[in-house]
Amino acid sequence: MKDFIAANQTMPVAGAEAKKPTRMSYTARSELTDNACAKQLFNLMETKKTNLCVAADVTTAKELLEMAEILGPEICMLKTHCDLYPDFTESFGEQLMAIAAKHNFMIFEDRKFADIGNTVVGQYSSGVHKIADWSHITNAHIVPGSGIIDGLKSVGLSKGRGLLLLAEMSSKGTMAKGEYTEAAIGMAAQHPDFVMGFISTNPKAWKAEWSKGLINMTPGVQLQVGGDAMGQQYNTPHNVIVENGSDVIIVGRGIYKAADPAAAAKEYRAAGWEAYQTSIA
């Protein structure tokens, strides 16, 4: 940490205006974490030049796999909801992992676990979906307390998986704010080997020096600011990355509902990467 602080402090120069410290690159931040998933994602984003995660909230496994193939070249991550798919089969995970390897992106099952540790062990490792076998990343609410992390960690750590905590949410009226956010941050600090970061909306407001090795991902991103009838509030890639200090933009309907999803993904990818370049310039 001392090395990080020293590298990012600019000493006053006589007769010249002190240079404003800039945000660290993904590559530099990959060196600040021992979390295997976070390190992999930081390096993937820098190498592939994309910080775009697509929330492909389609309603069948067939559509999801088709979307993964189409959007794979543009993304760093694909966010799934496997419990939406009535045609889910045991081969789904294998097929999706093969597409992810082909196009070099990570899989994020947006399961939002929210139960006691003993229960989430089974939900994560077994059942119909066996999420830990094929999804690099999953996420959890902290309402049950830190035992939920212990439970998920007992399954995922040995598999090299990573966990995102829901520190903030983009929906109107969310309770994930204030003391709740602070509690999530505290729990992450206790599990640096498994907790790789947060789902958040304004991490710049609370990001601490020790957390520079953690990844912040923000949902509800559109090219124009706005909202929908269900309380979702949208923000632009520039606002999310530059103004609010996030790392990954999560885009849903703006891409998978577009007339040409591949073209839309290219547009969002470019906007997200331009915002990142601006933030480190």
Protein backbone atom coordinates (compact mmCIF):
# COMPACT_ATOMS: atom_id res chain seq x y z
CA MET A 1 0.00 0.00 0.00
CA LYS A 2 2.89 2.34 0.76
CA ASP A 3 4.17 1.79 -2.78
CA PHE A 4 0.72 2.68 -4.17
CA ILE A 5 0.53 5.90 -2.13
CA ALA A 6 4.05 6.92 -3.08
CA ALA A 7 3.41 6.26 -6.76
CA ASN A 8 0.26 8.36 -6.76
CA GLN A 9 1.40 11.38 -4.76
CA THR A 10 2.73 14.29 -6.78
CA MET A 11 5.22 16.48 -4.95
CA PRO A 12 4.81 20.23 -5.44
CA VAL A 13 7.18 21.66 -8.03
CA ALA A 14 8.55 25.15 -7.42
CA GLY A 15 7.26 27.63 -9.97
CA ALA A 16 4.88 25.13 -11.55
CA GLU A 17 1.34 24.03 -10.94
CA ALA A 18 1.23 20.63 -9.26
CA LYS A 19 -0.03 17.91 -11.59
CA LYS A 20 -3.34 16.39 -10.59
CA PRO A 21 -2.96 12.67 -9.75
CA THR A 22 -4.69 10.46 -12.30
CA ARG A 23 -6.56 7.23 -11.89
CA MET A 24 -4.50 4.04 -12.04
CA SER A 25 -4.69 1.80 -15.09
CA TYR A 26 -6.28 -1.63 -14.96
CA THR A 27 -2.82 -3.16 -15.41
CA ALA A 28 -1.36 -1.27 -12.45
CA ARG A 29 -4.33 -2.20 -10.28
CA SER A 30 -3.97 -5.87 -11.18
CA GLU A 31 -0.71 -5.77 -9.23
CA LEU A 32 -2.53 -4.59 -6.09
CA THR A 33 -4.67 -7.68 -5.69
CA ASP A 34 -4.07 -11.32 -4.86
CA ASN A 35 -7.62 -12.15 -5.92
CA ALA A 36 -7.30 -14.46 -8.93
CA CYS A 37 -10.58 -13.39 -10.53
CA ALA A 38 -9.93 -9.66 -10.12
CA LYS A 39 -6.42 -10.03 -11.54
CA GLN A 40 -7.75 -11.96 -14.52
CA LEU A 41 -10.45 -9.40 -15.26
CA PHE A 42 -8.15 -6.37 -14.93
CA ASN A 43 -5.68 -7.92 -17.37
CA LEU A 44 -8.41 -9.11 -19.74
CA MET A 45 -9.90 -5.61 -19.95
CA GLU A 46 -6.54 -4.00 -20.64
CA THR A 47 -5.51 -6.59 -23.23
CA LYS A 48 -8.85 -6.76 -25.03
CA LYS A 49 -9.52 -3.01 -24.58
CA THR A 50 -13.06 -3.38 -23.34
CA ASN A 51 -14.80 -2.72 -20.02
CA LEU A 52 -18.22 -3.72 -21.31
CA CYS A 53 -20.33 -6.33 -19.54
CA VAL A 54 -23.58 -7.24 -21.27
CA ALA A 55 -26.56 -8.21 -19.15
CA ALA A 56 -28.20 -10.55 -21.64
CA ASP A 57 -31.51 -10.96 -19.84
CA VAL A 58 -33.03 -13.14 -22.54
CA THR A 59 -35.54 -15.81 -21.63
CA THR A 60 -34.04 -19.01 -23.05
CA ALA A 61 -30.67 -20.73 -22.89
CA LYS A 62 -30.69 -20.97 -26.69
CA GLU A 63 -30.99 -17.18 -27.02
CA LEU A 64 -28.28 -16.65 -24.40
CA LEU A 65 -25.79 -18.89 -26.20
CA GLU A 66 -26.57 -17.20 -29.52
CA MET A 67 -26.09 -13.77 -27.91
CA ALA A 68 -22.80 -14.89 -26.35
CA GLU A 69 -21.48 -15.85 -29.77
CA ILE A 70 -22.58 -12.58 -31.35
CA LEU A 71 -21.40 -10.26 -28.58
CA GLY A 72 -18.35 -12.21 -27.39
CA PRO A 73 -15.77 -10.27 -29.43
CA GLU A 74 -16.82 -6.95 -27.82
CA ILE A 75 -17.16 -7.76 -24.14
CA CYS A 76 -15.08 -8.47 -21.06
CA MET A 77 -17.96 -10.24 -19.37
CA LEU A 78 -21.41 -11.72 -20.01
CA LYS A 79 -23.99 -11.52 -17.23
CA THR A 80 -26.49 -14.36 -17.12
CA HIS A 81 -29.68 -15.27 -15.24
CA CYS A 82 -29.78 -19.04 -15.58
CA ASP A 83 -33.02 -19.40 -13.61
CA LEU A 84 -34.83 -17.60 -16.45
CA TYR A 85 -34.16 -20.40 -18.94
CA PRO A 86 -36.85 -23.11 -19.22
CA ASP A 87 -34.60 -24.97 -21.68
CA PHE A 88 -31.59 -25.07 -19.32
CA THR A 89 -29.70 -28.38 -19.60
CA GLU A 90 -26.59 -29.89 -18.05
CA SER A 91 -24.64 -29.04 -21.20
CA PHE A 92 -25.37 -25.29 -20.92
CA GLY A 93 -22.33 -24.53 -18.78
CA GLU A 94 -19.95 -26.40 -21.05
CA GLN A 95 -21.29 -24.67 -24.14
CA LEU A 96 -21.09 -21.22 -22.57
CA MET A 97 -17.57 -21.81 -21.24
CA ALA A 98 -16.43 -22.85 -24.72
CA ILE A 99 -17.79 -19.61 -26.22
CA ALA A 100 -16.20 -17.57 -23.41
CA ALA A 101 -12.82 -19.20 -24.05
CA LYS A 102 -13.15 -18.65 -27.80
CA HIS A 103 -13.86 -14.91 -27.45
CA ASN A 104 -11.93 -14.26 -24.22
CA PHE A 105 -14.61 -13.04 -21.83
CA MET A 106 -15.68 -14.01 -18.32
CA ILE A 107 -19.06 -15.34 -17.19
CA PHE A 108 -20.99 -13.62 -14.41
CA GLU A 109 -24.08 -15.40 -13.12
CA ASP A 110 -26.18 -12.67 -11.51
CA ARG A 111 -27.59 -14.98 -8.86
CA LYS A 112 -27.75 -12.41 -6.01
CA PHE A 113 -27.49 -15.00 -3.25
CA ALA A 114 -29.24 -13.84 -0.08
CA ASP A 115 -29.45 -16.73 2.38
CA ILE A 116 -27.48 -18.19 5.27
CA GLY A 117 -24.11 -19.78 4.60
CA ASN A 118 -25.25 -23.40 4.82
CA THR A 119 -28.05 -22.83 2.31
CA VAL A 120 -25.98 -20.96 -0.29
CA VAL A 121 -23.40 -23.77 -0.31
CA GLY A 122 -25.98 -26.02 -1.94
CA GLN A 123 -27.46 -23.31 -4.14
CA TYR A 124 -24.02 -22.48 -5.54
CA SER A 125 -22.57 -25.97 -5.93
CA SER A 126 -25.48 -28.25 -6.76
CA GLY A 127 -29.13 -28.24 -7.70
CA VAL A 128 -30.12 -27.97 -11.33
CA HIS A 129 -27.73 -25.16 -12.26
CA LYS A 130 -24.41 -26.03 -10.52
CA ILE A 131 -23.35 -22.39 -10.94
CA ALA A 132 -19.87 -22.77 -9.46
CA ASP A 133 -18.93 -25.26 -12.18
CA TRP A 134 -19.26 -22.81 -15.07
CA SER A 135 -19.56 -19.21 -13.86
CA HIS A 136 -16.32 -17.36 -13.08
CA ILE A 137 -18.15 -14.77 -10.97
CA THR A 138 -21.32 -14.53 -8.96
CA ASN A 139 -22.73 -12.00 -6.47
CA ALA A 140 -24.48 -11.76 -3.13
CA HIS A 141 -26.47 -9.49 -0.87
CA ILE A 142 -24.98 -9.02 2.60
CA VAL A 143 -28.33 -9.02 4.45
CA PRO A 144 -27.64 -12.45 6.05
CA GLY A 145 -24.25 -11.26 7.37
CA SER A 146 -20.72 -12.41 6.55
CA GLY A 147 -21.71 -16.08 6.82
CA ILE A 148 -22.98 -15.87 3.25
CA ILE A 149 -19.44 -15.10 2.09
CA ASP A 150 -18.05 -18.00 4.14
CA GLY A 151 -20.54 -20.37 2.54
CA LEU A 152 -19.93 -19.29 -1.04
CA LYS A 153 -16.19 -19.15 -0.45
CA SER A 154 -16.13 -22.75 0.77
CA VAL A 155 -17.33 -23.76 -2.71
CA GLY A 156 -15.83 -21.19 -5.05
CA LEU A 157 -12.36 -20.36 -3.77
CA SER A 158 -10.79 -23.69 -4.70
CA LYS A 159 -12.29 -23.35 -8.18
CA GLY A 160 -10.73 -19.90 -8.69
CA ARG A 161 -14.10 -18.16 -8.61
CA GLY A 162 -14.80 -14.59 -7.50
CA LEU A 163 -17.61 -12.89 -5.59
CA LEU A 164 -19.10 -9.43 -6.02
CA LEU A 165 -20.97 -7.88 -3.11
CA LEU A 166 -24.00 -5.70 -3.79
CA ALA A 167 -22.80 -2.48 -2.19
CA GLU A 168 -25.21 -0.21 -4.10
CA MET A 169 -27.96 -0.72 -6.66
CA SER A 170 -29.26 1.43 -9.52
CA SER A 171 -32.99 0.98 -8.86
CA LYS A 172 -35.12 3.79 -7.43
CA GLY A 173 -35.71 3.53 -3.68
CA THR A 174 -32.89 1.03 -3.12
CA MET A 175 -31.96 0.22 0.49
CA ALA A 176 -28.40 -0.60 -0.56
CA LYS A 177 -26.80 2.65 0.50
CA GLY A 178 -25.25 4.39 3.50
CA GLU A 179 -24.57 1.98 6.38
CA TYR A 180 -25.40 -0.98 4.16
CA THR A 181 -22.67 0.06 1.71
CA GLU A 182 -20.21 0.57 4.56
CA ALA A 183 -20.96 -2.92 5.86
CA ALA A 184 -20.31 -4.43 2.43
CA ILE A 185 -16.97 -2.65 2.23
CA GLY A 186 -16.01 -3.97 5.65
CA MET A 187 -16.89 -7.55 4.70
CA ALA A 188 -14.87 -7.29 1.49
CA ALA A 189 -11.83 -6.23 3.50
CA GLN A 190 -12.10 -9.45 5.51
CA HIS A 191 -12.21 -11.72 2.44
CA PRO A 192 -9.69 -10.34 -0.12
CA ASP A 193 -9.00 -13.80 -1.57
CA PHE A 194 -12.62 -14.36 -2.63
CA VAL A 195 -14.43 -11.01 -2.74
CA MET A 196 -13.19 -9.38 -5.96
CA GLY A 197 -15.29 -6.22 -5.84
CA PHE A 198 -18.71 -4.67 -5.77
CA ILE A 199 -21.84 -3.93 -7.70
CA SER A 200 -21.98 -0.20 -7.10
CA THR A 201 -23.20 3.09 -8.54
CA ASN A 202 -20.88 5.76 -7.11
CA PRO A 203 -17.72 4.11 -5.76
CA LYS A 204 -15.73 7.34 -5.97
CA ALA A 205 -17.74 8.59 -3.00
CA TRP A 206 -16.47 5.85 -0.69
CA LYS A 207 -13.53 4.08 -2.35
CA ALA A 208 -10.61 3.76 0.10
CA GLU A 209 -6.92 3.42 -0.71
CA TRP A 210 -6.88 -0.26 0.26
CA SER A 211 -9.67 -1.03 -2.22
CA LYS A 212 -7.83 -0.08 -5.42
CA GLY A 213 -7.35 -3.78 -6.17
CA LEU A 214 -11.11 -4.36 -6.12
CA ILE A 215 -13.35 -4.02 -9.16
CA ASN A 216 -16.49 -1.89 -9.24
CA MET A 217 -19.20 -2.75 -11.73
CA THR A 218 -22.18 -0.49 -12.43
CA PRO A 219 -25.52 -1.60 -13.93
CA GLY A 220 -28.15 0.60 -15.53
CA VAL A 221 -25.95 2.07 -18.27
CA GLN A 222 -27.36 3.65 -21.42
CA LEU A 223 -25.94 6.13 -23.90
CA GLN A 224 -28.53 8.63 -22.66
CA VAL A 225 -29.51 9.39 -19.06
CA GLY A 226 -33.04 8.31 -18.15
CA GLY A 227 -35.08 5.56 -16.52
CA ASP A 228 -37.82 3.02 -17.05
CA ALA A 229 -41.30 2.35 -15.66
CA MET A 230 -39.96 -0.26 -13.21
CA GLY A 231 -37.66 2.11 -11.31
CA GLN A 232 -34.39 1.42 -13.13
CA GLN A 233 -32.26 4.55 -13.45
CA TYR A 234 -29.82 4.85 -16.34
CA ASN A 235 -26.47 6.60 -16.50
CA THR A 236 -24.00 7.14 -19.32
CA PRO A 237 -20.62 5.37 -19.70
CA HIS A 238 -18.82 8.69 -19.16
CA ASN A 239 -20.70 9.40 -15.92
CA VAL A 240 -20.21 5.88 -14.63
CA ILE A 241 -16.47 5.62 -15.39
CA VAL A 242 -15.17 9.19 -15.23
CA GLU A 243 -17.48 10.93 -12.79
CA ASN A 244 -18.40 8.07 -10.46
CA GLY A 245 -15.16 6.08 -10.57
CA SER A 246 -16.49 2.68 -11.62
CA ASP A 247 -14.54 0.14 -13.69
CA VAL A 248 -17.06 -1.90 -15.68
CA ILE A 249 -20.24 -0.75 -17.39
CA ILE A 250 -23.14 -3.21 -17.37
CA VAL A 251 -25.49 -2.71 -20.32
CA GLY A 252 -28.68 -4.67 -20.86
CA ARG A 253 -31.59 -3.63 -23.05
CA GLY A 254 -29.52 -1.02 -24.88
CA ILE A 255 -27.70 -3.93 -26.51
CA TYR A 256 -29.73 -7.14 -26.45
CA LYS A 257 -32.95 -5.33 -27.44
CA ALA A 258 -31.23 -3.33 -30.21
CA ALA A 259 -32.08 -3.98 -33.85
CA ASP A 260 -28.41 -4.90 -34.35
CA PRO A 261 -26.97 -6.10 -31.00
CA ALA A 262 -23.45 -6.52 -32.40
CA ALA A 263 -23.36 -2.94 -33.67
CA ALA A 264 -24.79 -1.64 -30.40
CA ALA A 265 -22.15 -3.57 -28.45
CA LYS A 266 -19.40 -1.99 -30.56
CA GLU A 267 -20.82 1.46 -29.78
CA TYR A 268 -21.02 0.83 -26.04
CA ARG A 269 -17.58 -0.77 -26.03
CA ALA A 270 -16.09 2.31 -27.68
CA ALA A 271 -17.89 4.66 -25.27
CA GLY A 272 -16.79 2.70 -22.22
CA TRP A 273 -13.18 2.46 -23.33
CA GLU A 274 -13.04 6.15 -24.25
CA ALA A 275 -14.32 6.98 -20.77
CA TYR A 276 -11.64 4.78 -19.20
CA GLN A 277 -8.91 6.42 -21.31
CA THR A 278 -10.19 9.83 -20.23
CA SER A 279 -10.12 8.81 -16.59
CA ILE A 280 -6.44 7.81 -16.65
CA ALA A 281 -5.22 10.63 -18.93
